[in-house]
C-alpha atoms as a PDB file:
ATOM      1  CA  MET A   1       0.014  -0.009   0.018  1.00  0.00           C
ATOM      2  CA  ALA A   2       1.131   3.545  -0.736  1.00  0.00           C
ATOM      3  CA  HIS A   3      -0.186   5.105   2.482  1.00  0.00           C
ATOM      4  CA  THR A   4       2.140   6.816   4.884  1.00  0.00           C
ATOM      5  CA  ILE A   5       1.675   5.111   8.314  1.00  0.00           C
ATOM      6  CA  TYR A   6       2.652   7.103  11.402  1.00  0.00           C
ATOM      7  CA  GLU A   7       4.000   5.404  14.558  1.00  0.00           C
ATOM      8  CA  ASN A   8       2.281   6.122  17.856  1.00  0.00           C
ATOM      9  CA  PHE A   9       3.780   9.492  18.684  1.00  0.00           C
ATOM     10  CA  ILE A  10       2.309  12.955  18.892  1.00  0.00           C
ATOM     11  CA  LEU A  11       2.505  14.934  15.683  1.00  0.00           C
ATOM     12  CA  GLU A  12       0.672  17.817  14.024  1.00  0.00           C
ATOM     13  CA  ASN A  13      -1.762  16.518  11.457  1.00  0.00           C
ATOM     14  CA  LYS A  14      -1.845  18.791   8.483  1.00  0.00           C
ATOM     15  CA  ILE A  15      -3.666  18.059   5.261  1.00  0.00           C
ATOM     16  CA  ASP A  16      -1.910  19.569   2.354  1.00  0.00           C
ATOM     17  CA  ASN A  17      -3.787  21.593  -0.222  1.00  0.00           C
ATOM     18  CA  MET A  18      -4.849  18.893  -2.643  1.00  0.00           C
ATOM     19  CA  ILE A  19      -6.796  20.903  -5.160  1.00  0.00           C
ATOM     20  CA  ASP A  20      -4.796  22.149  -8.182  1.00  0.00           C
ATOM     21  CA  THR A  21      -6.648  25.461  -8.260  1.00  0.00           C
ATOM     22  CA  GLN A  22      -8.681  27.271  -5.567  1.00  0.00           C
ATOM     23  CA  LEU A  23     -10.868  28.777  -8.259  1.00  0.00           C
ATOM     24  CA  SER A  24     -14.033  26.756  -8.749  1.00  0.00           C
ATOM     25  CA  VAL A  25     -15.146  26.546 -12.371  1.00  0.00           C
ATOM     26  CA  VAL A  26     -18.766  25.920 -11.526  1.00  0.00           C
ATOM     27  CA  PRO A  27     -19.829  29.642 -11.950  1.00  0.00           C
ATOM     28  CA  PHE A  28     -18.178  29.709 -15.331  1.00  0.00           C
ATOM     29  CA  PHE A  29     -20.067  26.997 -17.237  1.00  0.00           C
ATOM     30  CA  THR A  30     -23.676  26.105 -17.979  1.00  0.00           C
ATOM     31  CA  ALA A  31     -25.008  23.035 -16.177  1.00  0.00           C
ATOM     32  CA  ASP A  32     -27.361  20.765 -18.212  1.00  0.00           C
ATOM     33  CA  ASN A  33     -29.127  17.796 -16.671  1.00  0.00           C
ATOM     34  CA  THR A  34     -31.024  16.723 -19.733  1.00  0.00           C
ATOM     35  CA  LEU A  35     -28.942  13.582 -20.097  1.00  0.00           C
ATOM     36  CA  GLU A  36     -30.262  12.147 -16.886  1.00  0.00           C
ATOM     37  CA  GLY A  37     -32.792   9.437 -17.660  1.00  0.00           C
ATOM     38  CA  SER A  38     -32.032   9.428 -21.377  1.00  0.00           C
ATOM     39  CA  ALA A  39     -30.701   6.363 -23.178  1.00  0.00           C
ATOM     40  CA  GLY A  40     -27.249   6.143 -24.793  1.00  0.00           C
ATOM     41  CA  MET A  41     -23.730   7.216 -23.858  1.00  0.00           C
ATOM     42  CA  LYS A  42     -23.003   9.212 -27.004  1.00  0.00           C
ATOM     43  CA  ILE A  43     -24.494  12.585 -28.057  1.00  0.00           C
ATOM     44  CA  MET A  44     -24.066  14.799 -31.137  1.00  0.00           C
ATOM     45  CA  LYS A  45     -23.631  18.524 -30.575  1.00  0.00           C
ATOM     46  CA  HIS A  46     -23.502  21.392 -33.076  1.00  0.00           C
ATOM     47  CA  ARG A  47     -20.931  24.155 -32.597  1.00  0.00           C
ATOM     48  CA  TYR A  48     -22.301  27.167 -34.458  1.00  0.00           C
ATOM     49  CA  LYS A  49     -20.482  30.092 -36.046  1.00  0.00           C
ATOM     50  CA  ALA A  50     -21.654  33.019 -38.115  1.00  0.00           C
ATOM     51  CA  THR A  51     -19.988  35.385 -40.582  1.00  0.00           C
ATOM     52  CA  GLY A  52     -21.164  38.574 -42.285  1.00  0.00           C
ATOM     53  CA  SER A  53     -21.016  42.322 -41.914  1.00  0.00           C
ATOM     54  CA  VAL A  54     -22.869  45.554 -42.505  1.00  0.00           C
ATOM     55  CA  ARG A  55     -21.833  48.577 -44.629  1.00  0.00           C
ATOM     56  CA  ASP A  56     -22.733  52.166 -45.323  1.00  0.00           C
ATOM     57  CA  VAL A  57     -24.780  52.465 -48.484  1.00  0.00           C
ATOM     58  CA  ALA A  58     -25.493  55.519 -50.568  1.00  0.00           C
ATOM     59  CA  MET A  59     -28.540  56.054 -52.767  1.00  0.00           C
ATOM     60  CA  GLY A  60     -28.718  53.306 -55.355  1.00  0.00           C
ATOM     61  CA  GLU A  61     -26.209  51.116 -53.520  1.00  0.00           C
ATOM     62  CA  GLY A  62     -26.809  47.983 -51.553  1.00  0.00           C
ATOM     63  CA  ASN A  63     -25.024  45.143 -49.749  1.00  0.00           C
ATOM     64  CA  GLN A  64     -22.449  43.031 -51.467  1.00  0.00           C
ATOM     65  CA  ALA A  65     -22.129  39.279 -51.441  1.00  0.00           C
ATOM     66  CA  LEU A  66     -19.509  39.232 -48.700  1.00  0.00           C
ATOM     67  CA  ASP A  67     -21.886  41.128 -46.393  1.00  0.00           C
ATOM     68  CA  ASP A  68     -24.384  38.332 -46.245  1.00  0.00           C
ATOM     69  CA  VAL A  69     -24.760  36.783 -42.856  1.00  0.00           C
ATOM     70  CA  GLU A  70     -24.104  33.077 -43.092  1.00  0.00           C
ATOM     71  CA  VAL A  71     -24.580  30.562 -40.298  1.00  0.00           C
ATOM     72  CA  ASP A  72     -22.612  27.304 -40.243  1.00  0.00           C
ATOM     73  CA  PHE A  73     -21.886  24.623 -37.727  1.00  0.00           C
ATOM     74  CA  ASP A  74     -19.507  21.842 -37.072  1.00  0.00           C
ATOM     75  CA  GLU A  75     -20.932  18.597 -35.686  1.00  0.00           C
ATOM     76  CA  PHE A  76     -19.113  16.808 -32.902  1.00  0.00           C
ATOM     77  CA  GLU A  77     -19.740  13.441 -31.325  1.00  0.00           C
ATOM     78  CA  TYR A  78     -19.126  13.279 -27.597  1.00  0.00           C
ATOM     79  CA  GLU A  79     -18.997  10.134 -25.439  1.00  0.00           C
ATOM     80  CA  VAL A  80     -20.272  10.302 -21.909  1.00  0.00           C
ATOM     81  CA  LYS A  81     -17.986   8.544 -19.499  1.00  0.00           C
ATOM     82  CA  TYR A  82     -17.766   7.710 -15.799  1.00  0.00           C
ATOM     83  CA  VAL A  83     -15.054   9.380 -13.723  1.00  0.00           C
ATOM     84  CA  GLN A  84     -14.144   7.174 -10.774  1.00  0.00           C
ATOM     85  CA  GLY A  85     -11.773   7.311  -7.855  1.00  0.00           C
ATOM     86  CA  ARG A  86     -10.844   4.516  -5.510  1.00  0.00           C
ATOM     87  CA  PHE A  87      -9.345   4.663  -1.973  1.00  0.00           C
ATOM     88  CA  PRO A  88      -8.393   1.376  -0.334  1.00  0.00           C
ATOM     89  CA  TYR A  89      -7.141   1.023   3.229  1.00  0.00           C
ATOM     90  CA  PHE A  90      -6.861  -1.559   6.018  1.00  0.00           C
ATOM     91  CA  ASP A  91      -8.371  -1.312   9.490  1.00  0.00           C
ATOM     92  CA  GLU A  92      -4.903  -1.400  11.042  1.00  0.00           C
ATOM     93  CA  GLN A  93      -3.801   1.638   8.974  1.00  0.00           C
ATOM     94  CA  ALA A  94      -6.819   3.627  10.120  1.00  0.00           C
ATOM     95  CA  MET A  95      -6.109   2.691  13.735  1.00  0.00           C
ATOM     96  CA  GLN A  96      -2.479   3.787  13.518  1.00  0.00           C
ATOM     97  CA  ASP A  97      -3.307   7.106  11.849  1.00  0.00           C
ATOM     98  CA  PRO A  98      -6.737   8.598  12.591  1.00  0.00           C
ATOM     99  CA  MET A  99      -6.220  11.171   9.765  1.00  0.00           C
ATOM    100  CA  LEU A 100      -5.752   8.477   7.070  1.00  0.00           C
ATOM    101  CA  VAL A 101      -9.355   7.991   5.994  1.00  0.00           C
ATOM    102  CA  GLN A 102     -10.199  11.743   6.039  1.00  0.00           C
ATOM    103  CA  THR A 103      -7.146  12.608   4.000  1.00  0.00           C
ATOM    104  CA  GLY A 104      -7.731   9.758   1.504  1.00  0.00           C
ATOM    105  CA  VAL A 105     -11.353  10.745   0.929  1.00  0.00           C
ATOM    106  CA  GLU A 106     -10.479  14.413   0.545  1.00  0.00           C
ATOM    107  CA  LYS A 107      -7.764  13.540  -1.970  1.00  0.00           C
ATOM    108  CA  MET A 108     -10.164  11.451  -3.992  1.00  0.00           C
ATOM    109  CA  SER A 109     -12.744  14.230  -3.980  1.00  0.00           C
ATOM    110  CA  ALA A 110     -10.052  16.782  -4.987  1.00  0.00           C
ATOM    111  CA  ASN A 111      -9.000  14.562  -7.833  1.00  0.00           C
ATOM    112  CA  MET A 112     -12.572  14.586  -9.172  1.00  0.00           C
ATOM    113  CA  VAL A 113     -12.777  18.382  -8.870  1.00  0.00           C
ATOM    114  CA  ASN A 114      -9.396  18.678 -10.670  1.00  0.00           C
ATOM    115  CA  GLU A 115     -10.629  16.364 -13.445  1.00  0.00           C
ATOM    116  CA  LEU A 116     -13.677  18.597 -14.118  1.00  0.00           C
ATOM    117  CA  THR A 117     -11.495  21.687 -13.990  1.00  0.00           C
ATOM    118  CA  SER A 118      -8.967  20.355 -16.478  1.00  0.00           C
ATOM    119  CA  LYS A 119     -11.674  19.329 -18.938  1.00  0.00           C
ATOM    120  CA  PHE A 120     -13.300  22.748 -18.644  1.00  0.00           C
ATOM    121  CA  TYR A 121     -10.092  24.604 -19.603  1.00  0.00           C
ATOM    122  CA  ALA A 122      -9.364  22.054 -22.346  1.00  0.00           C
ATOM    123  CA  GLU A 123     -12.719  22.923 -23.925  1.00  0.00           C
ATOM    124  CA  LEU A 124     -12.057  26.677 -23.647  1.00  0.00           C
ATOM    125  CA  ASP A 125      -8.730  26.064 -25.319  1.00  0.00           C
ATOM    126  CA  LYS A 126     -10.576  24.859 -28.414  1.00  0.00           C
ATOM    127  CA  ALA A 127     -11.762  28.405 -29.052  1.00  0.00           C
ATOM    128  CA  THR A 128     -11.681  29.392 -32.720  1.00  0.00           C
ATOM    129  CA  ASN A 129     -11.516  33.144 -32.101  1.00  0.00           C
ATOM    130  CA  ILE A 130      -7.852  33.815 -31.058  1.00  0.00           C
ATOM    131  CA  MET A 131      -6.340  37.217 -30.415  1.00  0.00           C
ATOM    132  CA  ASN A 132      -2.729  37.955 -29.527  1.00  0.00           C
ATOM    133  CA  TYR A 133      -1.723  40.280 -26.649  1.00  0.00           C
ATOM    134  CA  PRO A 134       1.621  42.142 -26.382  1.00  0.00           C
ATOM    135  CA  THR A 135       4.716  40.455 -25.019  1.00  0.00           C
ATOM    136  CA  GLY A 136       4.541  42.929 -22.134  1.00  0.00           C
ATOM    137  CA  GLY A 137       1.331  41.426 -21.001  1.00  0.00           C
ATOM    138  CA  ILE A 138      -2.445  41.952 -21.299  1.00  0.00           C
ATOM    139  CA  ASP A 139      -3.284  45.671 -21.364  1.00  0.00           C
ATOM    140  CA  PHE A 140      -6.428  47.788 -21.461  1.00  0.00           C
ATOM    141  CA  ASN A 141      -6.504  47.859 -25.266  1.00  0.00           C
ATOM    142  CA  THR A 142      -6.353  44.056 -25.369  1.00  0.00           C
ATOM    143  CA  ILE A 143      -9.463  43.792 -23.150  1.00  0.00           C
ATOM    144  CA  VAL A 144     -11.354  46.425 -25.159  1.00  0.00           C
ATOM    145  CA  ASP A 145     -10.587  44.777 -28.458  1.00  0.00           C
ATOM    146  CA  ALA A 146     -11.477  41.309 -27.210  1.00  0.00           C
ATOM    147  CA  THR A 147     -14.708  42.584 -25.617  1.00  0.00           C
ATOM    148  CA  ALA A 148     -15.670  44.181 -28.928  1.00  0.00           C
ATOM    149  CA  GLU A 149     -15.806  40.666 -30.403  1.00  0.00           C
ATOM    150  CA  PHE A 150     -19.018  40.148 -28.444  1.00  0.00           C
ATOM    151  CA  GLY A 151     -20.730  43.139 -29.926  1.00  0.00           C
ATOM    152  CA  GLU A 152     -23.504  44.428 -27.658  1.00  0.00           C
ATOM    153  CA  ASP A 153     -23.646  41.099 -25.819  1.00  0.00           C
ATOM    154  CA  GLU A 154     -21.177  41.991 -23.089  1.00  0.00           C
ATOM    155  CA  ASP A 155     -23.198  41.054 -20.054  1.00  0.00           C
ATOM    156  CA  GLY A 156     -21.780  38.170 -18.037  1.00  0.00           C
ATOM    157  CA  LEU A 157     -18.280  38.286 -19.504  1.00  0.00           C
ATOM    158  CA  PHE A 158     -15.316  37.188 -17.381  1.00  0.00           C
ATOM    159  CA  LEU A 159     -11.555  36.925 -17.858  1.00  0.00           C
ATOM    160  CA  LEU A 160      -9.593  33.878 -16.719  1.00  0.00           C
ATOM    161  CA  ILE A 161      -5.852  34.323 -16.477  1.00  0.00           C
ATOM    162  CA  ASN A 162      -2.832  32.378 -15.216  1.00  0.00           C
ATOM    163  CA  PRO A 163      -1.345  33.636 -11.896  1.00  0.00           C
ATOM    164  CA  ALA A 164       1.906  34.489 -13.703  1.00  0.00           C
ATOM    165  CA  GLN A 165      -0.010  37.153 -15.650  1.00  0.00           C
ATOM    166  CA  LYS A 166      -1.399  38.781 -12.510  1.00  0.00           C
ATOM    167  CA  ALA A 167       1.560  41.053 -11.799  1.00  0.00           C
ATOM    168  CA  GLN A 168       1.770  42.151 -15.450  1.00  0.00           C
ATOM    169  CA  ILE A 169      -1.918  43.044 -15.523  1.00  0.00           C
ATOM    170  CA  ARG A 170      -1.624  45.058 -12.337  1.00  0.00           C
ATOM    171  CA  LYS A 171       1.389  46.921 -13.670  1.00  0.00           C
ATOM    172  CA  ASN A 172      -0.102  47.511 -17.155  1.00  0.00           C
ATOM    173  CA  LEU A 173      -3.492  48.606 -15.981  1.00  0.00           C
ATOM    174  CA  LYS A 174      -2.798  50.447 -12.663  1.00  0.00           C
ATOM    175  CA  ASP A 175      -5.919  52.502 -11.935  1.00  0.00           C
ATOM    176  CA  ASP A 176      -7.908  50.857 -14.748  1.00  0.00           C
ATOM    177  CA  LEU A 177      -8.025  47.633 -12.654  1.00  0.00           C
ATOM    178  CA  LYS A 178     -10.824  48.323 -10.169  1.00  0.00           C
ATOM    179  CA  TYR A 179     -12.016  46.144  -7.349  1.00  0.00           C
ATOM    180  CA  VAL A 180     -15.781  45.684  -7.290  1.00  0.00           C
ATOM    181  CA  GLU A 181     -17.401  44.112  -4.166  1.00  0.00           C
ATOM    182  CA  GLY A 182     -20.125  42.459  -6.260  1.00  0.00           C
ATOM    183  CA  PHE A 183     -17.586  40.120  -7.859  1.00  0.00           C
ATOM    184  CA  VAL A 184     -15.982  38.902  -4.653  1.00  0.00           C
ATOM    185  CA  ARG A 185     -14.931  35.280  -5.121  1.00  0.00           C
ATOM    186  CA  THR A 186     -11.726  33.215  -4.664  1.00  0.00           C
ATOM    187  CA  GLY A 187      -9.231  34.160  -7.397  1.00  0.00           C
ATOM    188  CA  TYR A 188     -10.852  37.572  -8.167  1.00  0.00           C
ATOM    189  CA  ILE A 189      -8.269  40.354  -8.584  1.00  0.00           C
ATOM    190  CA  GLY A 190     -10.341  43.187 -10.055  1.00  0.00           C
ATOM    191  CA  THR A 191     -12.451  44.384 -12.934  1.00  0.00           C
ATOM    192  CA  ILE A 192     -11.253  45.743 -16.314  1.00  0.00           C
ATOM    193  CA  ASN A 193     -13.737  47.587 -18.541  1.00  0.00           C
ATOM    194  CA  ASN A 194     -16.577  46.018 -16.460  1.00  0.00           C
ATOM    195  CA  VAL A 195     -15.108  42.595 -16.954  1.00  0.00           C
ATOM    196  CA  PRO A 196     -14.147  40.739 -13.753  1.00  0.00           C
ATOM    197  CA  VAL A 197     -10.746  39.022 -13.772  1.00  0.00           C
ATOM    198  CA  TYR A 198      -9.968  35.715 -12.080  1.00  0.00           C
ATOM    199  CA  THR A 199      -6.730  33.771 -11.655  1.00  0.00           C
ATOM    200  CA  SER A 200      -6.311  30.030 -11.819  1.00  0.00           C
ATOM    201  CA  LYS A 201      -3.284  27.784 -12.011  1.00  0.00           C
ATOM    202  CA  SER A 202      -5.261  25.628 -14.445  1.00  0.00           C
ATOM    203  CA  VAL A 203      -5.218  28.303 -17.136  1.00  0.00           C
ATOM    204  CA  PRO A 204      -2.440  27.448 -19.619  1.00  0.00           C
ATOM    205  CA  ALA A 205       0.691  29.607 -19.445  1.00  0.00           C
ATOM    206  CA  ASP A 206       0.714  32.727 -21.611  1.00  0.00           C
ATOM    207  CA  THR A 207      -3.022  32.246 -22.210  1.00  0.00           C
ATOM    208  CA  ALA A 208      -6.183  33.889 -21.066  1.00  0.00           C
ATOM    209  CA  PHE A 209      -9.853  33.341 -21.867  1.00  0.00           C
ATOM    210  CA  LEU A 210     -12.501  36.063 -22.177  1.00  0.00           C
ATOM    211  CA  ALA A 211     -15.749  34.173 -22.117  1.00  0.00           C
ATOM    212  CA  LYS A 212     -19.340  33.800 -21.044  1.00  0.00           C
ATOM    213  CA  LYS A 213     -20.684  30.813 -19.108  1.00  0.00           C
ATOM    214  CA  SER A 214     -22.708  29.729 -22.149  1.00  0.00           C
ATOM    215  CA  ALA A 215     -19.399  28.864 -23.936  1.00  0.00           C
ATOM    216  CA  VAL A 216     -18.947  25.518 -22.058  1.00  0.00           C
ATOM    217  CA  THR A 217     -21.723  23.201 -20.957  1.00  0.00           C
ATOM    218  CA  VAL A 218     -21.424  20.351 -18.510  1.00  0.00           C
ATOM    219  CA  PHE A 219     -24.015  17.664 -19.345  1.00  0.00           C
ATOM    220  CA  THR A 220     -24.658  15.427 -16.343  1.00  0.00           C
ATOM    221  CA  LYS A 221     -25.720  11.836 -16.922  1.00  0.00           C
ATOM    222  CA  LYS A 222     -25.496  10.826 -13.276  1.00  0.00           C
ATOM    223  CA  GLY A 223     -24.554  12.912 -10.289  1.00  0.00           C
ATOM    224  CA  SER A 224     -21.844  12.160  -7.744  1.00  0.00           C
ATOM    225  CA  GLU A 225     -22.186   8.961  -5.809  1.00  0.00           C
ATOM    226  CA  VAL A 226     -20.118   7.129  -3.218  1.00  0.00           C
ATOM    227  CA  ALA A 227     -19.936   3.340  -2.722  1.00  0.00           C
ATOM    228  CA  GLN A 228     -18.040   1.213  -0.228  1.00  0.00           C
ATOM    229  CA  GLU A 229     -17.002  -2.407  -0.002  1.00  0.00           C
ATOM    230  CA  ARG A 230     -15.172  -4.465   2.619  1.00  0.00           C
ATOM    231  CA  ASP A 231     -13.271  -7.725   2.649  1.00  0.00           C
ATOM    232  CA  GLU A 232     -13.920  -8.939   6.164  1.00  0.00           C
ATOM    233  CA  ASN A 233     -11.315 -11.646   5.966  1.00  0.00           C
ATOM    234  CA  ILE A 234      -8.370  -9.311   5.594  1.00  0.00           C
ATOM    235  CA  ARG A 235     -10.079  -6.183   7.052  1.00  0.00           C
ATOM    236  CA  LYS A 236      -9.599  -4.233   3.784  1.00  0.00           C
ATOM    237  CA  ASN A 237     -11.968  -1.338   3.012  1.00  0.00           C
ATOM    238  CA  THR A 238     -12.411   0.357  -0.366  1.00  0.00           C
ATOM    239  CA  ILE A 239     -14.243   3.626  -0.962  1.00  0.00           C
ATOM    240  CA  TYR A 240     -15.289   4.567  -4.502  1.00  0.00           C
ATOM    241  CA  GLY A 241     -16.318   8.044  -5.735  1.00  0.00           C
ATOM    242  CA  ARG A 242     -17.816   8.471  -9.175  1.00  0.00           C
ATOM    243  CA  LYS A 243     -19.858  10.675 -11.443  1.00  0.00           C
ATOM    244  CA  CYS A 244     -20.935  10.527 -15.053  1.00  0.00           C
ATOM    245  CA  HIS A 245     -20.847  13.676 -17.143  1.00  0.00           C
ATOM    246  CA  LEU A 246     -19.687  15.338 -20.330  1.00  0.00           C
ATOM    247  CA  VAL A 247     -17.879  18.643 -20.691  1.00  0.00           C
ATOM    248  CA  ALA A 248     -18.203  20.360 -24.085  1.00  0.00           C
ATOM    249  CA  LEU A 249     -17.530  23.677 -25.829  1.00  0.00           C
ATOM    250  CA  THR A 250     -21.063  24.231 -27.080  1.00  0.00           C
ATOM    251  CA  ASP A 251     -20.797  27.868 -28.256  1.00  0.00           C
ATOM    252  CA  ALA A 252     -17.465  28.916 -29.653  1.00  0.00           C
ATOM    253  CA  SER A 253     -18.780  32.435 -30.299  1.00  0.00           C
ATOM    254  CA  LYS A 254     -18.878  33.035 -26.508  1.00  0.00           C
ATOM    255  CA  VAL A 255     -15.150  32.754 -25.915  1.00  0.00           C
ATOM    256  CA  VAL A 256     -12.062  34.612 -27.105  1.00  0.00           C
ATOM    257  CA  LYS A 257      -8.688  33.043 -26.485  1.00  0.00           C
ATOM    258  CA  LEU A 258      -5.932  35.532 -25.734  1.00  0.00           C
ATOM    259  CA  ALA A 259      -2.469  34.208 -26.641  1.00  0.00           C
ATOM    260  CA  LYS A 260       0.859  35.906 -25.984  1.00  0.00           C
ATOM    261  CA  THR A 261       2.535  37.296 -29.139  1.00  0.00           C
ATOM    262  CA  VAL A 262       5.476  35.057 -30.086  1.00  0.00           C
END
């Protein structure tokens, strides 16, 4: 077994921080429970995109062919899968170290949180609208230009950055970075052009995402569940944690990926 077993002496029990990022991604995606109770483990999803423009026209003039608004989509097949963690331990181990079970269960839970977080950012990373920001870091103009990609639909935008970018943003923006009490949440560092900014170690290096929660959807097939089994003969206990869901980028028009200029 891989557990660390302590001898019978007094020690300070300290559980290390087991979650890769303190920033929960739950507020940043759309939850969909429509898969519950439906048959099948594969679903087809359309990822829509639209092109077209408007122009000034004088008397006798009209739009040109390139102005026409055209809607297209890519079809993607997603497979719903179980995510499962397992924590085995013996009675003797639990008796020697009373923190063993608590630490093991918390680590298993943290692993499942980290799994959802990594999938969330992997889907955002599939964004088709990519803008470059200066080598000196994200500045006010970067945010304004990226926000403009959403047209008048700016409500609910947020910016997710890597912690390494935090100092650069604070230096570049100075007084333009304002702290708004209404956006208080772990990882929140301020608001730029009415867009709240959050840091997470799970955001890829030299990358940031300006998005709305409708960009990524988490489809739940079956919620979290815990099961236990025991081998009485050898006093071995096993705890399982599992959930069944699907994380997908469902609206690529609701996210802009900011990448550092190479």
